[in-house]
Amino acid sequence: MNTKKGVSFFLVIVALITGNKLIKHIDFQNWKFEKPAIDTVYLIAFVGSVVFIVKEMINRFKK
């Protein structure tokens, strides 16, 4: 019996929330963040969640 596993719902929610915060906090004229310390944490969490989402999708398509 095969069980199909989709993309992790938790990782998608984390990517959406952190991506939204990053978009709101960036100053596009100067390319700087409003609060650099917390925005680097958001950036790390966003990139990490996107990497894990892509890894899951690649592994699913290989099978």
N, C-alpha and C. Protein backbone atom coordinates (compact mmCIF):
# COMPACT_ATOMS: atom_id res chain seq x y z
N MET A 1 0.84 -1.17 0.00
CA MET A 1 0.00 0.00 0.00
C MET A 1 0.89 1.24 0.00
N ASN A 2 0.73 2.08 -1.00
CA ASN A 2 1.49 3.31 -1.08
C ASN A 2 0.76 4.44 -0.37
N THR A 3 1.53 5.20 0.36
CA THR A 3 0.96 6.40 0.97
C THR A 3 1.62 7.60 0.32
N LYS A 4 0.82 8.46 -0.25
CA LYS A 4 1.35 9.65 -0.88
C LYS A 4 1.47 10.74 0.17
N LYS A 5 2.62 11.34 0.21
CA LYS A 5 2.84 12.41 1.17
C LYS A 5 3.07 13.69 0.38
N GLY A 6 2.30 14.69 0.71
CA GLY A 6 2.43 15.96 0.03
C GLY A 6 3.48 16.83 0.71
N VAL A 7 3.53 18.05 0.29
CA VAL A 7 4.46 19.00 0.87
C VAL A 7 4.02 19.30 2.30
N SER A 8 4.97 19.44 3.19
CA SER A 8 4.69 19.66 4.59
C SER A 8 3.93 20.98 4.79
N PHE A 9 2.76 20.87 5.38
CA PHE A 9 1.92 22.04 5.62
C PHE A 9 2.61 23.03 6.55
N PHE A 10 3.30 22.52 7.55
CA PHE A 10 4.01 23.36 8.51
C PHE A 10 5.08 24.20 7.83
N LEU A 11 5.85 23.60 6.93
CA LEU A 11 6.91 24.33 6.24
C LEU A 11 6.35 25.40 5.31
N VAL A 12 5.22 25.11 4.70
CA VAL A 12 4.59 26.11 3.83
C VAL A 12 4.12 27.31 4.65
N ILE A 13 3.54 27.05 5.81
CA ILE A 13 3.08 28.15 6.68
C ILE A 13 4.27 28.98 7.16
N VAL A 14 5.36 28.32 7.55
CA VAL A 14 6.55 29.04 7.99
C VAL A 14 7.11 29.90 6.86
N ALA A 15 7.16 29.36 5.66
CA ALA A 15 7.68 30.12 4.52
C ALA A 15 6.78 31.32 4.21
N LEU A 16 5.49 31.15 4.28
CA LEU A 16 4.58 32.26 4.00
C LEU A 16 4.70 33.38 5.05
N ILE A 17 4.75 33.01 6.30
CA ILE A 17 4.81 34.02 7.36
C ILE A 17 6.15 34.76 7.33
N THR A 18 7.24 34.03 7.24
CA THR A 18 8.55 34.69 7.25
C THR A 18 8.78 35.49 5.97
N GLY A 19 8.31 34.98 4.85
CA GLY A 19 8.42 35.74 3.60
C GLY A 19 7.62 37.02 3.64
N ASN A 20 6.44 36.96 4.23
CA ASN A 20 5.61 38.14 4.36
C ASN A 20 6.28 39.19 5.25
N LYS A 21 6.86 38.76 6.35
CA LYS A 21 7.56 39.69 7.25
C LYS A 21 8.77 40.32 6.56
N LEU A 22 9.49 39.52 5.78
CA LEU A 22 10.65 40.07 5.07
C LEU A 22 10.24 41.12 4.05
N ILE A 23 9.17 40.87 3.34
CA ILE A 23 8.70 41.83 2.34
C ILE A 23 8.28 43.13 3.02
N LYS A 24 7.62 43.01 4.17
CA LYS A 24 7.16 44.21 4.88
C LYS A 24 8.32 45.01 5.48
N HIS A 25 9.40 44.35 5.89
CA HIS A 25 10.49 45.02 6.58
C HIS A 25 11.59 45.54 5.67
N ILE A 26 11.58 45.21 4.40
CA ILE A 26 12.67 45.66 3.53
C ILE A 26 12.33 47.02 2.94
N ASP A 27 13.35 47.86 2.88
CA ASP A 27 13.24 49.17 2.25
C ASP A 27 13.81 49.02 0.85
N PHE A 28 12.95 49.02 -0.17
CA PHE A 28 13.39 48.72 -1.52
C PHE A 28 14.18 49.85 -2.16
N GLN A 29 14.09 51.06 -1.65
CA GLN A 29 14.87 52.17 -2.20
C GLN A 29 16.34 52.06 -1.81
N ASN A 30 16.60 51.68 -0.56
CA ASN A 30 17.97 51.58 -0.06
C ASN A 30 18.46 50.14 0.06
N TRP A 31 17.58 49.17 -0.15
CA TRP A 31 17.88 47.75 0.00
C TRP A 31 18.44 47.44 1.38
N LYS A 32 17.76 47.93 2.40
CA LYS A 32 18.14 47.65 3.79
C LYS A 32 16.91 47.20 4.56
N PHE A 33 17.17 46.47 5.65
CA PHE A 33 16.10 46.02 6.52
C PHE A 33 15.84 47.04 7.61
N GLU A 34 14.59 47.09 8.09
CA GLU A 34 14.25 47.98 9.20
C GLU A 34 14.94 47.54 10.49
N LYS A 35 14.78 46.26 10.80
CA LYS A 35 15.37 45.68 12.02
C LYS A 35 16.30 44.55 11.58
N PRO A 36 17.58 44.85 11.37
CA PRO A 36 18.48 43.84 10.79
C PRO A 36 18.62 42.56 11.61
N ALA A 37 18.58 42.64 12.92
CA ALA A 37 18.79 41.44 13.73
C ALA A 37 17.66 40.44 13.56
N ILE A 38 16.42 40.87 13.71
CA ILE A 38 15.30 39.94 13.60
C ILE A 38 15.06 39.54 12.15
N ASP A 39 15.38 40.43 11.22
CA ASP A 39 15.17 40.12 9.81
C ASP A 39 16.16 39.07 9.30
N THR A 40 17.36 38.99 9.88
CA THR A 40 18.27 37.92 9.50
C THR A 40 17.74 36.57 9.99
N VAL A 41 17.10 36.57 11.15
CA VAL A 41 16.48 35.33 11.65
C VAL A 41 15.34 34.92 10.72
N TYR A 42 14.52 35.90 10.31
CA TYR A 42 13.44 35.61 9.36
C TYR A 42 14.01 35.08 8.04
N LEU A 43 15.10 35.67 7.58
CA LEU A 43 15.71 35.24 6.32
C LEU A 43 16.23 33.81 6.40
N ILE A 44 16.88 33.48 7.50
CA ILE A 44 17.40 32.12 7.69
C ILE A 44 16.25 31.12 7.75
N ALA A 45 15.18 31.46 8.47
CA ALA A 45 14.03 30.56 8.57
C ALA A 45 13.34 30.41 7.22
N PHE A 46 13.23 31.49 6.46
CA PHE A 46 12.59 31.43 5.14
C PHE A 46 13.40 30.57 4.18
N VAL A 47 14.69 30.80 4.12
CA VAL A 47 15.54 30.03 3.20
C VAL A 47 15.54 28.56 3.61
N GLY A 48 15.62 28.29 4.90
CA GLY A 48 15.61 26.90 5.36
C GLY A 48 14.32 26.19 5.03
N SER A 49 13.20 26.84 5.22
CA SER A 49 11.92 26.20 4.92
C SER A 49 11.76 25.98 3.42
N VAL A 50 12.20 26.92 2.61
CA VAL A 50 12.11 26.75 1.15
C VAL A 50 13.01 25.60 0.70
N VAL A 51 14.20 25.50 1.27
CA VAL A 51 15.11 24.40 0.90
C VAL A 51 14.48 23.05 1.25
N PHE A 52 13.88 22.94 2.43
CA PHE A 52 13.25 21.67 2.81
C PHE A 52 12.03 21.35 1.95
N ILE A 53 11.27 22.36 1.56
CA ILE A 53 10.13 22.15 0.68
C ILE A 53 10.60 21.63 -0.68
N VAL A 54 11.65 22.23 -1.21
CA VAL A 54 12.17 21.80 -2.52
C VAL A 54 12.74 20.40 -2.42
N LYS A 55 13.44 20.08 -1.32
CA LYS A 55 13.97 18.72 -1.14
C LYS A 55 12.85 17.68 -1.11
N GLU A 56 11.77 17.99 -0.39
CA GLU A 56 10.63 17.07 -0.35
C GLU A 56 10.03 16.86 -1.73
N MET A 57 9.90 17.94 -2.49
CA MET A 57 9.32 17.82 -3.82
C MET A 57 10.21 17.01 -4.76
N ILE A 58 11.51 17.22 -4.67
CA ILE A 58 12.45 16.45 -5.52
C ILE A 58 12.40 14.98 -5.16
N ASN A 59 12.40 14.66 -3.86
CA ASN A 59 12.35 13.26 -3.43
C ASN A 59 11.03 12.60 -3.85
N ARG A 60 9.94 13.38 -3.83
CA ARG A 60 8.64 12.82 -4.23
C ARG A 60 8.62 12.52 -5.72
N PHE A 61 9.22 13.38 -6.54
CA PHE A 61 9.21 13.16 -7.98
C PHE A 61 10.19 12.07 -8.40
N LYS A 62 11.22 11.78 -7.59
CA LYS A 62 12.16 10.71 -7.92
C LYS A 62 11.50 9.34 -7.74
N LYS A 63 10.58 9.22 -6.81
CA LYS A 63 9.95 7.92 -6.53
C LYS A 63 8.93 7.57 -7.54
